[in-house]
PDB file of N, CA and C in Angstrom:
ATOM      1  N   UNK A   1      11.007   0.002   3.842  1.00  0.00           N
ATOM      2  CA  UNK A   1      10.831  -0.956   2.775  1.00  0.00           C
ATOM      3  C   UNK A   1       9.351  -1.181   2.460  1.00  0.00           C
ATOM      4  N   UNK A   2       8.524  -1.072   3.467  1.00  0.00           N
ATOM      5  CA  UNK A   2       7.094  -1.292   3.269  1.00  0.00           C
ATOM      6  C   UNK A   2       6.496  -0.262   2.324  1.00  0.00           C
ATOM      7  N   UNK A   3       6.773   1.011   2.566  1.00  0.00           N
ATOM      8  CA  UNK A   3       6.235   2.061   1.696  1.00  0.00           C
ATOM      9  C   UNK A   3       6.816   1.952   0.296  1.00  0.00           C
ATOM     10  N   UNK A   4       8.085   1.610   0.201  1.00  0.00           N
ATOM     11  CA  UNK A   4       8.713   1.450  -1.108  1.00  0.00           C
ATOM     12  C   UNK A   4       7.998   0.386  -1.924  1.00  0.00           C
ATOM     13  N   UNK A   5       7.673  -0.738  -1.303  1.00  0.00           N
ATOM     14  CA  UNK A   5       6.941  -1.805  -1.993  1.00  0.00           C
ATOM     15  C   UNK A   5       5.597  -1.307  -2.507  1.00  0.00           C
ATOM     16  N   UNK A   6       4.871  -0.549  -1.682  1.00  0.00           N
ATOM     17  CA  UNK A   6       3.556  -0.057  -2.087  1.00  0.00           C
ATOM     18  C   UNK A   6       3.651   0.981  -3.206  1.00  0.00           C
ATOM     19  N   UNK A   7       4.645   1.853  -3.139  1.00  0.00           N
ATOM     20  CA  UNK A   7       4.813   2.865  -4.186  1.00  0.00           C
ATOM     21  C   UNK A   7       5.234   2.196  -5.498  1.00  0.00           C
ATOM     22  N   UNK A   8       6.172   1.254  -5.434  1.00  0.00           N
ATOM     23  CA  UNK A   8       6.584   0.532  -6.646  1.00  0.00           C
ATOM     24  C   UNK A   8       5.395  -0.189  -7.267  1.00  0.00           C
ATOM     25  N   UNK A   9       4.562  -0.782  -6.435  1.00  0.00           N
ATOM     26  CA  UNK A   9       3.379  -1.484  -6.922  1.00  0.00           C
ATOM     27  C   UNK A   9       2.414  -0.516  -7.612  1.00  0.00           C
ATOM     28  N   UNK A  10       2.240   0.659  -7.026  1.00  0.00           N
ATOM     29  CA  UNK A  10       1.358   1.667  -7.623  1.00  0.00           C
ATOM     30  C   UNK A  10       1.887   2.124  -8.979  1.00  0.00           C
ATOM     31  N   UNK A  11       3.192   2.290  -9.083  1.00  0.00           N
ATOM     32  CA  UNK A  11       3.782   2.706 -10.362  1.00  0.00           C
ATOM     33  C   UNK A  11       3.625   1.596 -11.397  1.00  0.00           C
ATOM     34  N   UNK A  12       4.039   0.396 -11.027  1.00  0.00           N
ATOM     35  CA  UNK A  12       4.067  -0.717 -11.995  1.00  0.00           C
ATOM     36  C   UNK A  12       2.683  -1.158 -12.456  1.00  0.00           C
ATOM     37  N   UNK A  13       1.749  -1.265 -11.526  1.00  0.00           N
ATOM     38  CA  UNK A  13       0.439  -1.830 -11.864  1.00  0.00           C
ATOM     39  C   UNK A  13      -0.662  -0.798 -12.025  1.00  0.00           C
ATOM     40  N   UNK A  14      -0.418   0.441 -11.587  1.00  0.00           N
ATOM     41  CA  UNK A  14      -1.452   1.461 -11.672  1.00  0.00           C
ATOM     42  C   UNK A  14      -1.135   2.561 -12.660  1.00  0.00           C
ATOM     43  N   UNK A  15      -0.025   3.242 -12.447  1.00  0.00           N
ATOM     44  CA  UNK A  15       0.313   4.414 -13.253  1.00  0.00           C
ATOM     45  C   UNK A  15       0.884   4.024 -14.611  1.00  0.00           C
ATOM     46  N   UNK A  16       1.835   3.102 -14.632  1.00  0.00           N
ATOM     47  CA  UNK A  16       2.517   2.735 -15.882  1.00  0.00           C
ATOM     48  C   UNK A  16       1.553   2.247 -16.976  1.00  0.00           C
ATOM     49  N   UNK A  17       0.579   1.386 -16.665  1.00  0.00           N
ATOM     50  CA  UNK A  17      -0.334   0.931 -17.724  1.00  0.00           C
ATOM     51  C   UNK A  17      -1.370   1.983 -18.157  1.00  0.00           C
ATOM     52  N   UNK A  18      -1.491   3.060 -17.406  1.00  0.00           N
ATOM     53  CA  UNK A  18      -2.489   4.077 -17.719  1.00  0.00           C
ATOM     54  C   UNK A  18      -1.994   4.987 -18.837  1.00  0.00           C
ATOM     55  N   UNK A  19      -2.828   5.218 -19.825  1.00  0.00           N
ATOM     56  CA  UNK A  19      -2.462   6.104 -20.928  1.00  0.00           C
ATOM     57  C   UNK A  19      -2.388   7.563 -20.476  1.00  0.00           C
ATOM     58  N   UNK A  20      -3.102   7.922 -19.409  1.00  0.00           N
ATOM     59  CA  UNK A  20      -3.115   9.297 -18.913  1.00  0.00           C
ATOM     60  C   UNK A  20      -2.053   9.563 -17.856  1.00  0.00           C
ATOM     61  N   UNK A  21      -1.289   8.551 -17.469  1.00  0.00           N
ATOM     62  CA  UNK A  21      -0.363   8.738 -16.357  1.00  0.00           C
ATOM     63  C   UNK A  21      -1.140   8.724 -15.061  1.00  0.00           C
ATOM     64  N   UNK A  22      -0.724   9.502 -14.091  1.00  0.00           N
ATOM     65  CA  UNK A  22      -1.457   9.541 -12.839  1.00  0.00           C
ATOM     66  C   UNK A  22      -0.645  10.156 -11.720  1.00  0.00           C
ATOM     67  N   UNK A  23      -1.167  10.014 -10.521  1.00  0.00           N
ATOM     68  CA  UNK A  23      -0.572  10.621  -9.334  1.00  0.00           C
ATOM     69  C   UNK A  23      -0.540   9.581  -8.215  1.00  0.00           C
ATOM     70  N   UNK A  24       0.518   9.644  -7.414  1.00  0.00           N
ATOM     71  CA  UNK A  24       0.646   8.780  -6.243  1.00  0.00           C
ATOM     72  C   UNK A  24       0.768   9.679  -5.019  1.00  0.00           C
ATOM     73  N   UNK A  25       0.002   9.363  -3.988  1.00  0.00           N
ATOM     74  CA  UNK A  25       0.072  10.107  -2.729  1.00  0.00           C
ATOM     75  C   UNK A  25       0.434   9.153  -1.602  1.00  0.00           C
ATOM     76  N   UNK A  26       1.307   9.609  -0.720  1.00  0.00           N
ATOM     77  CA  UNK A  26       1.718   8.829   0.450  1.00  0.00           C
ATOM     78  C   UNK A  26       1.401   9.652   1.691  1.00  0.00           C
ATOM     79  N   UNK A  27       0.708   9.033   2.641  1.00  0.00           N
ATOM     80  CA  UNK A  27       0.378   9.689   3.909  1.00  0.00           C
ATOM     81  C   UNK A  27       0.738   8.744   5.049  1.00  0.00           C
ATOM     82  N   UNK A  28       1.306   9.301   6.107  1.00  0.00           N
ATOM     83  CA  UNK A  28       1.648   8.515   7.295  1.00  0.00           C
ATOM     84  C   UNK A  28       1.245   9.321   8.522  1.00  0.00           C
ATOM     85  N   UNK A  29       0.555   8.663   9.460  1.00  0.00           N
ATOM     86  CA  UNK A  29       0.130   9.313  10.703  1.00  0.00           C
ATOM     87  C   UNK A  29       0.444   8.412  11.884  1.00  0.00           C
ATOM     88  N   UNK A  30       0.742   9.023  13.006  1.00  0.00           N
ATOM     89  CA  UNK A  30       0.929   8.316  14.257  1.00  0.00           C
ATOM     90  C   UNK A  30      -0.237   8.685  15.164  1.00  0.00           C
ATOM     91  N   UNK A  31      -1.007   7.668  15.585  1.00  0.00           N
ATOM     92  CA  UNK A  31      -2.163   7.902  16.454  1.00  0.00           C
ATOM     93  C   UNK A  31      -2.254   6.786  17.477  1.00  0.00           C
ATOM     94  N   UNK A  32      -2.270   7.186  18.732  1.00  0.00           N
ATOM     95  CA  UNK A  32      -2.484   6.206  19.799  1.00  0.00           C
ATOM     96  C   UNK A  32      -1.497   5.051  19.794  1.00  0.00           C
ATOM     97  N   UNK A  33      -0.240   5.319  19.500  1.00  0.00           N
ATOM     98  CA  UNK A  33       0.763   4.269  19.509  1.00  0.00           C
ATOM     99  C   UNK A  33       0.755   3.367  18.282  1.00  0.00           C
ATOM    100  N   UNK A  34      -0.007   3.760  17.278  1.00  0.00           N
ATOM    101  CA  UNK A  34      -0.062   2.973  16.040  1.00  0.00           C
ATOM    102  C   UNK A  34       0.309   3.865  14.865  1.00  0.00           C
ATOM    103  N   UNK A  35       0.847   3.240  13.859  1.00  0.00           N
ATOM    104  CA  UNK A  35       1.214   3.937  12.637  1.00  0.00           C
ATOM    105  C   UNK A  35       0.194   3.580  11.559  1.00  0.00           C
ATOM    106  N   UNK A  36      -0.326   4.593  10.910  1.00  0.00           N
ATOM    107  CA  UNK A  36      -1.270   4.411   9.811  1.00  0.00           C
ATOM    108  C   UNK A  36      -0.622   4.993   8.559  1.00  0.00           C
ATOM    109  N   UNK A  37      -0.441   4.159   7.563  1.00  0.00           N
ATOM    110  CA  UNK A  37       0.176   4.597   6.315  1.00  0.00           C
ATOM    111  C   UNK A  37      -0.775   4.292   5.169  1.00  0.00           C
ATOM    112  N   UNK A  38      -0.775   5.180   4.198  1.00  0.00           N
ATOM    113  CA  UNK A  38      -1.671   5.031   3.047  1.00  0.00           C
ATOM    114  C   UNK A  38      -0.915   5.440   1.786  1.00  0.00           C
ATOM    115  N   UNK A  39      -1.005   4.596   0.769  1.00  0.00           N
ATOM    116  CA  UNK A  39      -0.468   4.916  -0.555  1.00  0.00           C
ATOM    117  C   UNK A  39      -1.634   4.791  -1.527  1.00  0.00           C
ATOM    118  N   UNK A  40      -1.947   5.882  -2.208  1.00  0.00           N
ATOM    119  CA  UNK A  40      -3.044   5.849  -3.175  1.00  0.00           C
ATOM    120  C   UNK A  40      -2.539   6.325  -4.531  1.00  0.00           C
ATOM    121  N   UNK A  41      -3.167   5.793  -5.571  1.00  0.00           N
ATOM    122  CA  UNK A  41      -2.793   6.207  -6.923  1.00  0.00           C
ATOM    123  C   UNK A  41      -4.048   6.412  -7.759  1.00  0.00           C
ATOM    124  N   UNK A  42      -3.885   7.144  -8.845  1.00  0.00           N
ATOM    125  CA  UNK A  42      -4.999   7.409  -9.762  1.00  0.00           C
ATOM    126  C   UNK A  42      -4.813   6.625 -11.061  1.00  0.00           C
ATOM    127  N   UNK A  43      -4.189   5.461 -10.950  1.00  0.00           N
ATOM    128  CA  UNK A  43      -3.915   4.620 -12.117  1.00  0.00           C
ATOM    129  C   UNK A  43      -5.132   3.841 -12.582  1.00  0.00           C
ATOM    130  N   UNK A  44      -4.871   2.728 -13.249  1.00  0.00           N
ATOM    131  CA  UNK A  44      -5.927   1.963 -13.906  1.00  0.00           C
ATOM    132  C   UNK A  44      -6.858   1.236 -12.940  1.00  0.00           C
ATOM    133  N   UNK A  45      -6.438   1.014 -11.716  1.00  0.00           N
ATOM    134  CA  UNK A  45      -7.310   0.362 -10.741  1.00  0.00           C
ATOM    135  C   UNK A  45      -7.104  -1.135 -10.680  1.00  0.00           C
ATOM    136  N   UNK A  46      -7.729  -1.758  -9.710  1.00  0.00           N
ATOM    137  CA  UNK A  46      -7.564  -3.193  -9.464  1.00  0.00           C
ATOM    138  C   UNK A  46      -8.177  -4.027 -10.578  1.00  0.00           C
ATOM    139  N   UNK A  47      -9.400  -3.764 -10.934  1.00  0.00           N
ATOM    140  CA  UNK A  47     -10.090  -4.588 -11.935  1.00  0.00           C
ATOM    141  C   UNK A  47      -9.488  -4.440 -13.324  1.00  0.00           C
ATOM    142  N   UNK A  48      -9.067  -3.239 -13.669  1.00  0.00           N
ATOM    143  CA  UNK A  48      -8.513  -3.007 -14.997  1.00  0.00           C
ATOM    144  C   UNK A  48      -7.203  -3.749 -15.207  1.00  0.00           C
ATOM    145  N   UNK A  49      -6.452  -3.986 -14.135  1.00  0.00           N
ATOM    146  CA  UNK A  49      -5.179  -4.680 -14.281  1.00  0.00           C
ATOM    147  C   UNK A  49      -5.392  -6.158 -14.576  1.00  0.00           C
ATOM    148  N   UNK A  50      -6.547  -6.698 -14.163  1.00  0.00           N
ATOM    149  CA  UNK A  50      -6.857  -8.092 -14.434  1.00  0.00           C
ATOM    150  C   UNK A  50      -6.053  -9.067 -13.594  1.00  0.00           C
ATOM    151  N   UNK A  51      -5.354  -8.583 -12.583  1.00  0.00           N
ATOM    152  CA  UNK A  51      -4.512  -9.442 -11.762  1.00  0.00           C
ATOM    153  C   UNK A  51      -4.951  -9.372 -10.309  1.00  0.00           C
ATOM    154  N   UNK A  52      -4.684 -10.435  -9.587  1.00  0.00           N
ATOM    155  CA  UNK A  52      -4.928 -10.443  -8.152  1.00  0.00           C
ATOM    156  C   UNK A  52      -3.719  -9.879  -7.433  1.00  0.00           C
ATOM    157  N   UNK A  53      -3.541 -10.302  -6.184  1.00  0.00           N
ATOM    158  CA  UNK A  53      -2.387  -9.850  -5.425  1.00  0.00           C
ATOM    159  C   UNK A  53      -1.122 -10.426  -6.035  1.00  0.00           C
ATOM    160  N   UNK A  54      -0.195  -9.556  -6.345  1.00  0.00           N
ATOM    161  CA  UNK A  54       1.063  -9.995  -6.920  1.00  0.00           C
ATOM    162  C   UNK A  54       2.045 -10.435  -5.849  1.00  0.00           C
ATOM    163  N   UNK A  55       3.198 -10.845  -6.301  1.00  0.00           N
ATOM    164  CA  UNK A  55       4.245 -11.335  -5.410  1.00  0.00           C
ATOM    165  C   UNK A  55       4.650 -10.288  -4.386  1.00  0.00           C
ATOM    166  N   UNK A  56       4.764  -9.025  -4.804  1.00  0.00           N
ATOM    167  CA  UNK A  56       5.176  -7.961  -3.888  1.00  0.00           C
ATOM    168  C   UNK A  56       4.242  -7.805  -2.708  1.00  0.00           C
ATOM    169  N   UNK A  57       2.934  -7.807  -2.970  1.00  0.00           N
ATOM    170  CA  UNK A  57       1.960  -7.633  -1.882  1.00  0.00           C
ATOM    171  C   UNK A  57       1.859  -8.878  -1.007  1.00  0.00           C
ATOM    172  N   UNK A  58       1.970 -10.051  -1.605  1.00  0.00           N
ATOM    173  CA  UNK A  58       1.948 -11.282  -0.815  1.00  0.00           C
ATOM    174  C   UNK A  58       3.157 -11.323   0.110  1.00  0.00           C
ATOM    175  N   UNK A  59       4.320 -10.990  -0.408  1.00  0.00           N
ATOM    176  CA  UNK A  59       5.538 -10.964   0.396  1.00  0.00           C
ATOM    177  C   UNK A  59       5.451  -9.912   1.490  1.00  0.00           C
ATOM    178  N   UNK A  60       4.889  -8.755   1.168  1.00  0.00           N
ATOM    179  CA  UNK A  60       4.719  -7.697   2.170  1.00  0.00           C
ATOM    180  C   UNK A  60       3.820  -8.175   3.306  1.00  0.00           C
ATOM    181  N   UNK A  61       2.722  -8.826   2.987  1.00  0.00           N
ATOM    182  CA  UNK A  61       1.832  -9.347   4.037  1.00  0.00           C
ATOM    183  C   UNK A  61       2.563 -10.366   4.910  1.00  0.00           C
ATOM    184  N   UNK A  62       3.380 -11.205   4.299  1.00  0.00           N
ATOM    185  CA  UNK A  62       4.137 -12.197   5.067  1.00  0.00           C
ATOM    186  C   UNK A  62       5.145 -11.512   5.993  1.00  0.00           C
ATOM    187  N   UNK A  63       5.831 -10.477   5.510  1.00  0.00           N
ATOM    188  CA  UNK A  63       6.785  -9.732   6.340  1.00  0.00           C
ATOM    189  C   UNK A  63       6.081  -9.065   7.517  1.00  0.00           C
ATOM    190  N   UNK A  64       4.936  -8.445   7.252  1.00  0.00           N
ATOM    191  CA  UNK A  64       4.181  -7.805   8.330  1.00  0.00           C
ATOM    192  C   UNK A  64       3.767  -8.822   9.388  1.00  0.00           C
ATOM    193  N   UNK A  65       3.369  -9.996   8.952  1.00  0.00           N
ATOM    194  CA  UNK A  65       2.974 -11.058   9.882  1.00  0.00           C
ATOM    195  C   UNK A  65       4.158 -11.478  10.754  1.00  0.00           C
ATOM    196  N   UNK A  66       5.314 -11.635  10.163  1.00  0.00           N
ATOM    197  CA  UNK A  66       6.501 -12.047  10.912  1.00  0.00           C
ATOM    198  C   UNK A  66       6.951 -10.968  11.904  1.00  0.00           C
ATOM    199  N   UNK A  67       6.973  -9.730  11.471  1.00  0.00           N
ATOM    200  CA  UNK A  67       7.474  -8.646  12.312  1.00  0.00           C
ATOM    201  C   UNK A  67       6.498  -8.299  13.430  1.00  0.00           C
ATOM    202  N   UNK A  68       5.192  -8.281  13.129  1.00  0.00           N
ATOM    203  CA  UNK A  68       4.212  -7.791  14.098  1.00  0.00           C
ATOM    204  C   UNK A  68       3.318  -8.893  14.673  1.00  0.00           C
ATOM    205  N   UNK A  69       3.618 -10.138  14.385  1.00  0.00           N
ATOM    206  CA  UNK A  69       2.892 -11.284  14.953  1.00  0.00           C
ATOM    207  C   UNK A  69       1.379 -11.126  14.870  1.00  0.00           C
ATOM    208  N   UNK A  70       0.900 -10.755  13.710  1.00  0.00           N
ATOM    209  CA  UNK A  70      -0.542 -10.648  13.499  1.00  0.00           C
ATOM    210  C   UNK A  70      -1.160  -9.320  13.902  1.00  0.00           C
ATOM    211  N   UNK A  71      -0.360  -8.387  14.401  1.00  0.00           N
ATOM    212  CA  UNK A  71      -0.892  -7.098  14.843  1.00  0.00           C
ATOM    213  C   UNK A  71      -0.689  -6.011  13.786  1.00  0.00           C
ATOM    214  N   UNK A  72      -0.766  -6.394  12.526  1.00  0.00           N
ATOM    215  CA  UNK A  72      -0.655  -5.435  11.424  1.00  0.00           C
ATOM    216  C   UNK A  72      -1.654  -5.831  10.344  1.00  0.00           C
ATOM    217  N   UNK A  73      -2.135  -4.830   9.635  1.00  0.00           N
ATOM    218  CA  UNK A  73      -3.102  -5.088   8.562  1.00  0.00           C
ATOM    219  C   UNK A  73      -2.701  -4.343   7.301  1.00  0.00           C
ATOM    220  N   UNK A  74      -2.916  -4.980   6.167  1.00  0.00           N
ATOM    221  CA  UNK A  74      -2.771  -4.356   4.859  1.00  0.00           C
ATOM    222  C   UNK A  74      -4.083  -4.558   4.133  1.00  0.00           C
ATOM    223  N   UNK A  75      -4.712  -3.459   3.750  1.00  0.00           N
ATOM    224  CA  UNK A  75      -5.981  -3.540   3.032  1.00  0.00           C
ATOM    225  C   UNK A  75      -5.880  -2.758   1.733  1.00  0.00           C
ATOM    226  N   UNK A  76      -6.522  -3.267   0.691  1.00  0.00           N
ATOM    227  CA  UNK A  76      -6.583  -2.586  -0.595  1.00  0.00           C
ATOM    228  C   UNK A  76      -8.023  -2.204  -0.880  1.00  0.00           C
ATOM    229  N   UNK A  77      -8.185  -1.027  -1.480  1.00  0.00           N
ATOM    230  CA  UNK A  77      -9.525  -0.569  -1.838  1.00  0.00           C
ATOM    231  C   UNK A  77      -9.469   0.098  -3.205  1.00  0.00           C
ATOM    232  N   UNK A  78     -10.477  -0.180  -4.012  1.00  0.00           N
ATOM    233  CA  UNK A  78     -10.598   0.485  -5.304  1.00  0.00           C
ATOM    234  C   UNK A  78     -11.079   1.909  -5.084  1.00  0.00           C
ATOM    235  N   UNK A  79     -10.565   2.834  -5.877  1.00  0.00           N
ATOM    236  CA  UNK A  79     -10.990   4.231  -5.811  1.00  0.00           C
ATOM    237  C   UNK A  79     -11.806   4.568  -7.055  1.00  0.00           C
ATOM    238  N   UNK A  80     -12.798   5.437  -6.902  1.00  0.00           N
ATOM    239  CA  UNK A  80     -13.622   5.867  -8.031  1.00  0.00           C
ATOM    240  C   UNK A  80     -13.099   7.204  -8.536  1.00  0.00           C
ATOM    241  N   UNK A  81     -13.030   7.449  -9.800  1.00  0.00           N
ATOM    242  CA  UNK A  81     -13.462   6.555 -10.881  1.00  0.00           C
ATOM    243  C   UNK A  81     -12.437   5.479 -11.210  1.00  0.00           C
ATOM    244  N   UNK A  82     -11.189   5.644 -10.783  1.00  0.00           N
ATOM    245  CA  UNK A  82     -10.171   4.604 -10.978  1.00  0.00           C
ATOM    246  C   UNK A  82      -9.010   4.879 -10.030  1.00  0.00           C
ATOM    247  N   UNK A  83      -8.275   3.843  -9.740  1.00  0.00           N
ATOM    248  CA  UNK A  83      -7.149   3.956  -8.816  1.00  0.00           C
ATOM    249  C   UNK A  83      -7.281   2.968  -7.677  1.00  0.00           C
ATOM    250  N   UNK A  84      -6.270   2.954  -6.821  1.00  0.00           N
ATOM    251  CA  UNK A  84      -6.218   2.017  -5.697  1.00  0.00           C
ATOM    252  C   UNK A  84      -5.650   2.738  -4.478  1.00  0.00           C
ATOM    253  N   UNK A  85      -6.156   2.350  -3.306  1.00  0.00           N
ATOM    254  CA  UNK A  85      -5.598   2.830  -2.049  1.00  0.00           C
ATOM    255  C   UNK A  85      -5.158   1.609  -1.246  1.00  0.00           C
ATOM    256  N   UNK A  86      -3.904   1.612  -0.811  1.00  0.00           N
ATOM    257  CA  UNK A  86      -3.382   0.583   0.087  1.00  0.00           C
ATOM    258  C   UNK A  86      -3.245   1.219   1.462  1.00  0.00           C
ATOM    259  N   UNK A  87      -3.828   0.580   2.473  1.00  0.00           N
ATOM    260  CA  UNK A  87      -3.795   1.104   3.831  1.00  0.00           C
ATOM    261  C   UNK A  87      -3.075   0.122   4.746  1.00  0.00           C
ATOM    262  N   UNK A  88      -2.147   0.646   5.531  1.00  0.00           N
ATOM    263  CA  UNK A  88      -1.406  -0.143   6.508  1.00  0.00           C
ATOM    264  C   UNK A  88      -1.714   0.360   7.911  1.00  0.00           C
ATOM    265  N   UNK A  89      -1.805  -0.558   8.842  1.00  0.00           N
ATOM    266  CA  UNK A  89      -2.026  -0.239  10.249  1.00  0.00           C
ATOM    267  C   UNK A  89      -1.134  -1.181  11.044  1.00  0.00           C
ATOM    268  N   UNK A  90      -0.179  -0.617  11.818  1.00  0.00           N
ATOM    269  CA  UNK A  90       0.724  -1.454  12.592  1.00  0.00           C
ATOM    270  C   UNK A  90       1.206  -0.689  13.825  1.00  0.00           C
ATOM    271  N   UNK A  91       1.697  -1.408  14.842  1.00  0.00           N
ATOM    272  CA  UNK A  91       2.175  -0.735  16.051  1.00  0.00           C
ATOM    273  C   UNK A  91       3.387   0.145  15.725  1.00  0.00           C
ATOM    274  N   UNK A  92       3.413   1.331  16.302  1.00  0.00           N
ATOM    275  CA  UNK A  92       4.558   2.215  16.126  1.00  0.00           C
ATOM    276  C   UNK A  92       5.689   1.708  17.005  1.00  0.00           C
ATOM    277  N   UNK A  93       6.872   1.722  16.471  1.00  0.00           N
ATOM    278  CA  UNK A  93       8.053   1.323  17.226  1.00  0.00           C
ATOM    279  C   UNK A  93       9.054   2.448  17.144  1.00  0.00           C
ATOM    280  N   UNK A  94       9.365   3.030  18.273  1.00  0.00           N
ATOM    281  CA  UNK A  94      10.322   4.149  18.292  1.00  0.00           C
ATOM    282  C   UNK A  94      11.719   3.622  18.567  1.00  0.00           C
ATOM    283  N   UNK A  95      12.678   4.258  17.912  1.00  0.00           N
ATOM    284  CA  UNK A  95      14.079   3.933  18.163  1.00  0.00           C
ATOM    285  C   UNK A  95      14.517   4.596  19.451  1.00  0.00           C
ATOM    286  N   UNK A  96      15.422   3.967  20.201  1.00  0.00           N
ATOM    287  CA  UNK A  96      15.929   4.606  21.420  1.00  0.00           C
ATOM    288  C   UNK A  96      16.630   5.915  21.076  1.00  0.00           C
ATOM    289  N   UNK A  97      16.478   6.915  21.946  1.00  0.00           N
ATOM    290  CA  UNK A  97      17.072   8.240  21.695  1.00  0.00           C
ATOM    291  C   UNK A  97      18.578   8.225  21.857  1.00  0.00           C
TER     292      UNK A  97
END
C-alpha cells in the first residue's frame, strides 16, 4: 500500500499536470535489515504544483509512524530540472516461511 500511495501521488500531482507527460521509476533494496524504497517522477515538481503535502502523504507518514513506532522515514526531494523523488527507509519484516 505504501508504494501504491507514492505512485498514485506521482501520477496525480507530477505526471498528470505536465504537458509533456513523464516517467515514474520505482526502486526497492534490502540492506542491513532495512528496506529502502524510492519512487521518482519526471513530472512538474514540488514547486510547480503549488501545494504542500497532500492528504495521501500525511496519511502515509501517520501509518508509518504507527507501524514502525518512529523507526521509518519518508523524505521528498525536488529533482532537476523537474520532478520529485520520494524516499522511504524502514525496518524489513520477513514473513515466516
